[in-house]
């Protein structure tokens, strides 16, 4: 009987023993990596790598395409996803969904010459041979707001928005331009922030809440101007009446318990004039609505004066003072003139020509020796001493 153990040993293949990995001595170069096929992976030197990068760069410049990073080492070795033909040229696989096809770089494309024109573009070539591109881009339809403005500007009977706001008494024209620039004005619910915009008279105009708050913060001051101060800008060595608006000159009995602030003096302008040799009530305001109400073209606020005169005055001359006189070839509007006492007249006028009362008295032989304004509209000077001032209350209307 044959030995079973020896037969099995003879039939068993013996494999060579796997050599133990050698340990690398520090300081020695690493071995080239070995592929699964047993062929060592070729390495490239630094000089060859720079030459390869220069080659790719030159090729990209000739093709006028955006340069892309060159491959690190692989030049002769075919990329994955390709197979060699008999001639040795890499041939891509037939499958169009190969991952290698997605990773491969696209073919060079000259966008300056080969890009197809878009639907809204057409290409032309000038006389100098330079290719120019004219883009006929489709224009966006104008906004509804812009259409409304243009229609209002072209329509008959339209008017500037700032002028219409002043007519309605919302503010002065100067303030209207300021509000429009800041976007504080709405026309039919749409904000209008372009100066010079035109609207129709029947369109609805409103101010935003911030504009209304700004108006309420503006102050109006009533001053008892003494003789020797001019109403507006300084002239002939005389100071303007605005220099009297100081905390020291604030009337102690002012019913409006309000403290003066620095902002109250900004843009504080006189609403009307009073001669340098006259005294009485002068209004200074920051509110354009009040200024327009007092000195606007269509202002009809009545102003009352006490005038001390010298000379005789007949009954017929008194009638002429009430109505019938002319200044500079223009007839004066009717006035209310009556005796206050034996040497003082009371004038009530609705217009304010330059030195009107003094010139009227000269026409009837009277000489004015004193003039004091005591009322503007429904606001009276009352007990306000000369040189003192007070705030105009919210309940007071001219």
Protein backbone atom coordinates (compact mmCIF):
# COMPACT_ATOMS: atom_id res chain seq x y z
CA UNK A 1 0.00 0.00 0.00
CA UNK A 2 1.57 3.27 -1.06
CA UNK A 3 2.36 5.82 1.52
CA UNK A 4 -0.53 8.34 1.50
CA UNK A 5 1.39 11.10 3.20
CA UNK A 6 4.21 10.96 0.63
CA UNK A 7 1.72 10.99 -2.30
CA UNK A 8 -0.02 14.12 -1.00
CA UNK A 9 3.29 15.84 -0.46
CA UNK A 10 4.34 15.03 -4.03
CA UNK A 11 1.11 16.43 -5.48
CA UNK A 12 1.29 19.66 -3.47
CA UNK A 13 2.90 22.64 -5.24
CA UNK A 14 5.54 24.44 -3.31
CA UNK A 15 5.53 28.27 -3.54
CA UNK A 16 8.65 30.32 -3.16
CA UNK A 17 8.99 32.03 0.10
CA UNK A 18 8.15 35.78 0.03
CA UNK A 19 11.22 37.75 0.80
CA UNK A 20 11.05 40.01 3.79
CA UNK A 21 10.78 43.74 2.93
CA UNK A 22 14.03 45.50 3.08
CA UNK A 23 14.29 48.40 5.44
CA UNK A 24 15.32 51.69 3.85
CA UNK A 25 18.38 53.25 5.33
CA UNK A 26 17.74 56.91 6.21
CA UNK A 27 19.31 59.27 3.68
CA UNK A 28 19.03 56.90 0.70
CA UNK A 29 16.63 57.71 -2.22
CA UNK A 30 13.27 56.01 -2.30
CA UNK A 31 12.62 53.28 -4.82
CA UNK A 32 10.29 53.91 -7.70
CA UNK A 33 6.78 52.60 -7.07
CA UNK A 34 5.99 49.29 -8.72
CA UNK A 35 2.71 48.83 -10.56
CA UNK A 36 0.56 45.73 -10.31
CA UNK A 37 2.00 44.54 -13.62
CA UNK A 38 5.47 44.62 -12.13
CA UNK A 39 6.65 47.57 -14.29
CA UNK A 40 8.18 50.47 -12.42
CA UNK A 41 6.33 53.79 -12.79
CA UNK A 42 8.53 56.21 -14.72
CA UNK A 43 9.53 59.41 -13.00
CA UNK A 44 10.25 62.73 -14.69
CA UNK A 45 12.99 65.14 -13.85
CA UNK A 46 12.49 68.77 -12.91
CA UNK A 47 13.91 70.02 -16.21
CA UNK A 48 11.61 67.72 -18.23
CA UNK A 49 8.63 68.86 -16.15
CA UNK A 50 9.37 72.54 -16.88
CA UNK A 51 9.78 71.78 -20.57
CA UNK A 52 6.47 69.97 -20.62
CA UNK A 53 4.69 72.90 -18.94
CA UNK A 54 6.22 75.31 -21.47
CA UNK A 55 5.03 73.07 -24.29
CA UNK A 56 1.44 73.09 -23.04
CA UNK A 57 1.55 76.82 -22.49
CA UNK A 58 2.75 77.47 -26.03
CA UNK A 59 0.03 75.21 -27.42
CA UNK A 60 -2.66 77.07 -25.45
CA UNK A 61 -1.41 80.46 -26.64
CA UNK A 62 -1.55 79.33 -30.27
CA UNK A 63 -5.12 78.11 -29.79
CA UNK A 64 -6.19 81.36 -28.00
CA UNK A 65 -7.91 79.40 -25.30
CA UNK A 66 -7.85 79.86 -21.59
CA UNK A 67 -4.73 78.08 -20.27
CA UNK A 68 -5.33 75.11 -18.08
CA UNK A 69 -2.91 73.42 -15.74
CA UNK A 70 -0.66 70.92 -17.51
CA UNK A 71 -0.55 67.30 -16.32
CA UNK A 72 2.07 66.60 -13.74
CA UNK A 73 3.97 63.70 -15.28
CA UNK A 74 1.88 61.70 -17.69
CA UNK A 75 2.88 62.33 -21.26
CA UNK A 76 3.71 59.00 -22.84
CA UNK A 77 1.58 56.92 -20.51
CA UNK A 78 -2.03 56.72 -21.75
CA UNK A 79 -4.73 57.93 -19.43
CA UNK A 80 -7.18 55.62 -17.87
CA UNK A 81 -10.21 54.83 -19.96
CA UNK A 82 -8.22 54.54 -23.21
CA UNK A 83 -6.72 51.58 -25.04
CA UNK A 84 -3.90 51.41 -27.52
CA UNK A 85 -4.42 50.52 -31.16
CA UNK A 86 -1.96 48.68 -33.36
CA UNK A 87 -0.34 51.97 -34.34
CA UNK A 88 0.23 52.88 -30.71
CA UNK A 89 -2.22 55.83 -30.72
CA UNK A 90 -4.57 56.03 -27.72
CA UNK A 91 -8.13 55.37 -28.77
CA UNK A 92 -11.05 56.38 -26.54
CA UNK A 93 -13.59 53.83 -25.57
CA UNK A 94 -16.90 53.78 -27.36
CA UNK A 95 -18.98 54.38 -24.26
CA UNK A 96 -20.02 58.04 -24.06
CA UNK A 97 -20.72 57.77 -20.34
CA UNK A 98 -17.20 56.84 -19.38
CA UNK A 99 -15.90 58.73 -16.34
CA UNK A 100 -12.65 59.22 -18.20
CA UNK A 101 -14.50 61.15 -20.91
CA UNK A 102 -15.85 63.56 -18.28
CA UNK A 103 -12.38 64.08 -16.81
CA UNK A 104 -10.67 64.65 -20.14
CA UNK A 105 -9.96 68.26 -21.08
CA UNK A 106 -12.24 69.77 -23.76
CA UNK A 107 -11.00 70.46 -27.26
CA UNK A 108 -9.45 73.89 -27.79
CA UNK A 109 -12.01 76.45 -28.86
CA UNK A 110 -11.41 79.97 -30.10
CA UNK A 111 -14.27 81.98 -28.69
CA UNK A 112 -13.27 85.09 -30.61
CA UNK A 113 -13.80 83.48 -34.03
CA UNK A 114 -15.78 80.28 -33.75
CA UNK A 115 -18.40 81.23 -31.14
CA UNK A 116 -21.82 81.37 -32.80
CA UNK A 117 -23.57 84.74 -32.45
CA UNK A 118 -26.50 84.95 -30.14
CA UNK A 119 -29.99 85.69 -31.31
CA UNK A 120 -29.80 89.38 -30.34
CA UNK A 121 -26.21 89.94 -31.61
CA UNK A 122 -24.79 90.46 -35.07
CA UNK A 123 -21.13 90.64 -35.99
CA UNK A 124 -19.58 93.13 -38.35
CA UNK A 125 -16.04 93.69 -39.51
CA UNK A 126 -14.77 97.22 -39.85
CA UNK A 127 -12.53 98.66 -42.52
CA UNK A 128 -9.47 98.06 -40.36
CA UNK A 129 -10.20 94.34 -40.20
CA UNK A 130 -11.12 94.34 -36.54
CA UNK A 131 -14.14 92.26 -35.71
CA UNK A 132 -16.67 94.37 -33.83
CA UNK A 133 -19.71 93.05 -32.09
CA UNK A 134 -22.90 95.06 -31.97
CA UNK A 135 -25.32 93.78 -29.40
CA UNK A 136 -28.93 94.54 -30.09
CA UNK A 137 -30.13 93.68 -26.63
CA UNK A 138 -33.86 93.62 -26.09
CA UNK A 139 -34.84 96.65 -24.10
CA UNK A 140 -36.77 96.19 -20.92
CA UNK A 141 -40.21 97.65 -20.80
CA UNK A 142 -40.15 100.91 -18.79
CA UNK A 143 -41.56 100.79 -15.31
CA UNK A 144 -45.14 101.80 -14.73
CA UNK A 145 -44.00 104.70 -12.63
CA UNK A 146 -41.77 106.05 -15.43
CA UNK A 147 -44.61 105.69 -17.93
CA UNK A 148 -46.92 107.62 -15.66
CA UNK A 149 -44.42 110.44 -15.30
CA UNK A 150 -43.80 110.67 -19.02
CA UNK A 151 -47.50 110.67 -19.78
CA UNK A 152 -48.05 113.40 -17.21
CA UNK A 153 -45.19 115.45 -18.66
CA UNK A 154 -46.58 115.18 -22.19
CA UNK A 155 -50.20 115.72 -21.23
CA UNK A 156 -51.74 119.13 -21.63
CA UNK A 157 -52.37 121.00 -18.43
CA UNK A 158 -49.59 119.26 -16.49
CA UNK A 159 -47.50 121.23 -14.01
CA UNK A 160 -44.39 120.79 -11.92
CA UNK A 161 -44.87 118.78 -8.78
CA UNK A 162 -43.09 121.32 -6.56
CA UNK A 163 -45.31 124.14 -7.83
CA UNK A 164 -48.45 122.12 -7.22
CA UNK A 165 -47.31 121.29 -3.67
CA UNK A 166 -46.79 125.00 -2.96
CA UNK A 167 -50.24 125.82 -4.35
CA UNK A 168 -51.83 123.24 -2.06
CA UNK A 169 -50.00 124.74 0.94
CA UNK A 170 -48.10 121.54 1.72
CA UNK A 171 -44.79 123.43 1.81
CA UNK A 172 -42.81 126.06 -0.06
CA UNK A 173 -41.32 125.32 -3.46
CA UNK A 174 -37.82 125.21 -1.97
CA UNK A 175 -38.97 122.70 0.63
CA UNK A 176 -40.85 120.75 -2.05
CA UNK A 177 -37.63 120.23 -4.02
CA UNK A 178 -35.91 119.05 -0.84
CA UNK A 179 -38.72 116.62 -0.01
CA UNK A 180 -38.76 115.24 -3.56
CA UNK A 181 -35.02 114.59 -3.54
CA UNK A 182 -35.31 112.72 -0.24
CA UNK A 183 -38.21 110.59 -1.48
CA UNK A 184 -40.73 112.05 0.96
CA UNK A 185 -43.46 112.78 -1.63
CA UNK A 186 -46.04 110.36 -3.00
CA UNK A 187 -48.25 110.94 -6.04
CA UNK A 188 -51.23 108.59 -6.19
CA UNK A 189 -49.44 106.34 -3.71
CA UNK A 190 -46.17 106.14 -5.70
CA UNK A 191 -42.97 107.77 -4.41
CA UNK A 192 -41.59 110.46 -6.74
CA UNK A 193 -37.94 111.37 -6.17
CA UNK A 194 -37.01 113.07 -9.44
CA UNK A 195 -36.75 116.86 -9.58
CA UNK A 196 -38.76 118.49 -12.33
CA UNK A 197 -41.43 115.78 -12.37
CA UNK A 198 -44.77 116.89 -13.75
CA UNK A 199 -48.22 115.79 -12.69
CA UNK A 200 -51.81 116.58 -13.46
CA UNK A 201 -53.66 118.95 -11.09
CA UNK A 202 -56.20 116.27 -10.14
CA UNK A 203 -53.58 113.79 -8.92
CA UNK A 204 -53.37 113.13 -5.19
CA UNK A 205 -50.22 114.32 -3.40
CA UNK A 206 -49.24 113.29 0.09
CA UNK A 207 -46.18 113.58 2.30
CA UNK A 208 -44.58 110.65 4.07
CA UNK A 209 -44.73 110.57 7.89
CA UNK A 210 -41.09 111.58 8.19
CA UNK A 211 -41.77 114.77 6.21
CA UNK A 212 -44.70 115.62 8.47
CA UNK A 213 -42.57 115.09 11.57
CA UNK A 214 -39.89 117.33 10.09
CA UNK A 215 -42.43 120.09 9.55
CA UNK A 216 -43.71 119.91 13.12
CA UNK A 217 -40.17 120.33 14.44
CA UNK A 218 -39.72 123.66 12.63
CA UNK A 219 -40.32 126.76 14.68
CA UNK A 220 -41.82 130.19 14.06
CA UNK A 221 -40.82 133.16 16.20
CA UNK A 222 -42.61 136.45 16.84
CA UNK A 223 -40.20 139.31 17.53
CA UNK A 224 -40.88 142.87 18.65
CA UNK A 225 -38.32 144.59 16.42
CA UNK A 226 -36.97 147.85 17.80
CA UNK A 227 -35.86 150.81 15.68
CA UNK A 228 -32.36 150.52 14.20
CA UNK A 229 -32.50 146.88 13.02
CA UNK A 230 -33.14 145.72 9.47
CA UNK A 231 -35.48 142.84 8.71
CA UNK A 232 -33.22 140.79 6.47
CA UNK A 233 -29.51 140.86 5.72
CA UNK A 234 -27.26 143.44 7.35
CA UNK A 235 -26.95 146.65 5.34
CA UNK A 236 -25.34 150.07 5.77
CA UNK A 237 -23.79 149.06 9.08
CA UNK A 238 -27.13 148.01 10.62
CA UNK A 239 -27.54 144.59 12.19
CA UNK A 240 -30.28 142.16 11.15
CA UNK A 241 -33.13 141.56 13.56
CA UNK A 242 -32.20 137.87 13.78
CA UNK A 243 -29.30 138.73 16.14
CA UNK A 244 -31.90 139.42 18.83
CA UNK A 245 -33.02 135.76 18.87
CA UNK A 246 -30.99 134.70 21.91
CA UNK A 247 -31.88 132.93 25.17
CA UNK A 248 -31.43 136.21 27.05
CA UNK A 249 -34.06 137.99 24.91
CA UNK A 250 -36.64 135.22 25.27
CA UNK A 251 -39.80 136.69 26.82
CA UNK A 252 -40.25 135.43 30.36
CA UNK A 253 -44.06 135.31 29.99
CA UNK A 254 -44.00 133.24 26.79
CA UNK A 255 -46.98 130.85 27.08
CA UNK A 256 -45.04 128.28 25.01
CA UNK A 257 -42.69 126.76 27.55
CA UNK A 258 -40.03 125.71 25.15
CA UNK A 259 -36.27 125.95 25.36
CA UNK A 260 -34.40 127.47 22.45
CA UNK A 261 -31.94 125.16 20.72
CA UNK A 262 -29.18 125.67 18.18
CA UNK A 263 -31.25 123.98 15.47
CA UNK A 264 -33.95 126.66 15.88
CA UNK A 265 -31.58 129.27 14.45
CA UNK A 266 -30.80 127.30 11.27
CA UNK A 267 -32.65 128.53 8.18
CA UNK A 268 -34.60 131.03 10.26
CA UNK A 269 -35.75 133.68 7.77
CA UNK A 270 -38.00 136.75 8.10
CA UNK A 271 -41.46 136.36 6.59
CA UNK A 272 -41.99 139.94 5.56
CA UNK A 273 -40.15 143.20 6.05
CA UNK A 274 -40.29 146.14 8.43
CA UNK A 275 -38.42 149.37 7.75
CA UNK A 276 -35.34 150.21 9.78
CA UNK A 277 -37.07 153.26 11.29
CA UNK A 278 -40.21 151.24 12.12
CA UNK A 279 -40.95 149.00 15.06
CA UNK A 280 -43.40 146.27 15.88
CA UNK A 281 -44.17 142.69 14.99
CA UNK A 282 -41.76 140.74 12.81
CA UNK A 283 -42.17 137.03 12.04
CA UNK A 284 -39.17 134.76 11.51
CA UNK A 285 -39.84 131.16 10.55
CA UNK A 286 -38.31 127.89 9.40
CA UNK A 287 -41.62 126.72 7.92
CA UNK A 288 -42.01 127.45 4.24
CA UNK A 289 -45.78 127.13 4.49
CA UNK A 290 -45.98 130.11 6.84
CA UNK A 291 -43.56 132.13 4.72
CA UNK A 292 -45.67 131.51 1.63
CA UNK A 293 -48.81 132.39 3.52
CA UNK A 294 -47.42 135.74 4.61
CA UNK A 295 -45.33 136.90 1.63
CA UNK A 296 -46.50 134.72 -1.26
CA UNK A 297 -47.79 136.16 -4.51
CA UNK A 298 -51.37 135.33 -3.58
CA UNK A 299 -51.08 136.31 0.07
CA UNK A 300 -54.06 138.24 1.41
CA UNK A 301 -53.17 138.29 5.11
CA UNK A 302 -54.20 141.58 6.67
CA UNK A 303 -51.56 143.57 8.57
CA UNK A 304 -52.42 146.30 11.06
CA UNK A 305 -50.28 149.36 11.87
CA UNK A 306 -50.46 152.29 14.27
CA UNK A 307 -49.07 155.39 12.55
CA UNK A 308 -48.27 158.64 14.33
CA UNK A 309 -48.57 161.59 11.90
CA UNK A 310 -48.20 165.34 11.82
CA UNK A 311 -50.25 167.70 9.68
CA UNK A 312 -53.92 168.31 8.87
CA UNK A 313 -56.08 165.58 7.29
CA UNK A 314 -59.39 166.40 5.64
CA UNK A 315 -62.31 164.03 5.24
CA UNK A 316 -61.70 163.72 1.49
CA UNK A 317 -58.03 162.90 2.07
CA UNK A 318 -59.06 160.22 4.54
CA UNK A 319 -61.25 158.69 1.84
CA UNK A 320 -58.30 158.72 -0.56
CA UNK A 321 -56.20 156.86 2.00
CA UNK A 322 -58.87 154.16 2.10
CA UNK A 323 -59.06 153.86 -1.69
CA UNK A 324 -58.05 155.90 -4.69
CA UNK A 325 -54.30 156.45 -4.44
CA UNK A 326 -51.68 155.22 -6.89
CA UNK A 327 -47.99 154.41 -6.41
CA UNK A 328 -45.59 154.09 -9.35
CA UNK A 329 -48.50 154.23 -11.74
CA UNK A 330 -50.30 151.27 -10.13
CA UNK A 331 -53.54 151.66 -8.19
CA UNK A 332 -53.41 150.51 -4.59
CA UNK A 333 -55.81 147.94 -3.21
CA UNK A 334 -58.51 149.14 -0.84
CA UNK A 335 -57.29 149.75 2.72
CA UNK A 336 -58.90 150.42 6.09
CA UNK A 337 -57.70 153.73 7.52
CA UNK A 338 -59.25 155.44 10.54
CA UNK A 339 -58.30 157.72 13.41
CA UNK A 340 -56.98 155.94 16.49
CA UNK A 341 -56.66 159.20 18.45
CA UNK A 342 -56.06 162.85 17.68
CA UNK A 343 -52.50 162.30 16.32
CA UNK A 344 -52.49 158.60 15.40
CA UNK A 345 -54.02 156.66 12.48
CA UNK A 346 -54.80 152.96 12.24
CA UNK A 347 -53.95 151.27 8.92
CA UNK A 348 -55.07 147.77 7.87
CA UNK A 349 -53.52 146.62 4.55
CA UNK A 350 -53.52 143.44 2.52
CA UNK A 351 -50.51 144.35 0.41
CA UNK A 352 -47.00 145.39 1.30
CA UNK A 353 -45.41 147.76 -1.19
CA UNK A 354 -42.05 149.23 -0.21
CA UNK A 355 -42.58 152.05 2.34
CA UNK A 356 -46.23 152.05 1.30
CA UNK A 357 -47.75 153.76 4.36
CA UNK A 358 -45.17 156.56 4.44
CA UNK A 359 -45.65 157.29 0.74
CA UNK A 360 -49.44 157.20 1.08
CA UNK A 361 -49.31 159.79 3.86
CA UNK A 362 -47.02 162.04 1.80
CA UNK A 363 -49.58 162.04 -1.03
CA UNK A 364 -52.19 163.62 1.30
CA UNK A 365 -49.79 166.03 3.03
CA UNK A 366 -49.03 164.06 6.20
CA UNK A 367 -45.63 163.36 7.73
CA UNK A 368 -45.07 160.06 9.51
CA UNK A 369 -43.14 160.36 12.78
CA UNK A 370 -43.71 156.85 14.10
CA UNK A 371 -44.90 153.49 12.76
CA UNK A 372 -45.61 150.29 14.66
CA UNK A 373 -47.01 147.00 13.38
CA UNK A 374 -49.33 145.46 15.96
CA UNK A 375 -51.02 142.56 14.15
CA UNK A 376 -50.48 140.08 11.30
CA UNK A 377 -53.60 138.13 10.45
CA UNK A 378 -55.04 136.81 13.70
CA UNK A 379 -51.75 136.96 15.63
CA UNK A 380 -51.25 140.10 17.72
CA UNK A 381 -48.15 141.71 19.20
CA UNK A 382 -50.00 142.25 22.49
CA UNK A 383 -47.71 142.72 25.52
CA UNK A 384 -44.48 141.55 23.93
CA UNK A 385 -41.82 144.15 24.93
CA UNK A 386 -39.46 145.71 22.34
CA UNK A 387 -36.39 143.56 21.71
CA UNK A 388 -38.07 140.43 23.10
CA UNK A 389 -39.35 137.39 21.23
CA UNK A 390 -41.61 134.38 21.77
CA UNK A 391 -42.53 131.13 20.05
CA UNK A 392 -45.64 130.94 17.88
CA UNK A 393 -48.00 128.38 19.38
CA UNK A 394 -49.53 125.49 17.47
CA UNK A 395 -52.98 126.92 18.17
CA UNK A 396 -52.13 130.30 16.59
CA UNK A 397 -52.99 130.77 12.95
CA UNK A 398 -52.38 133.76 10.74
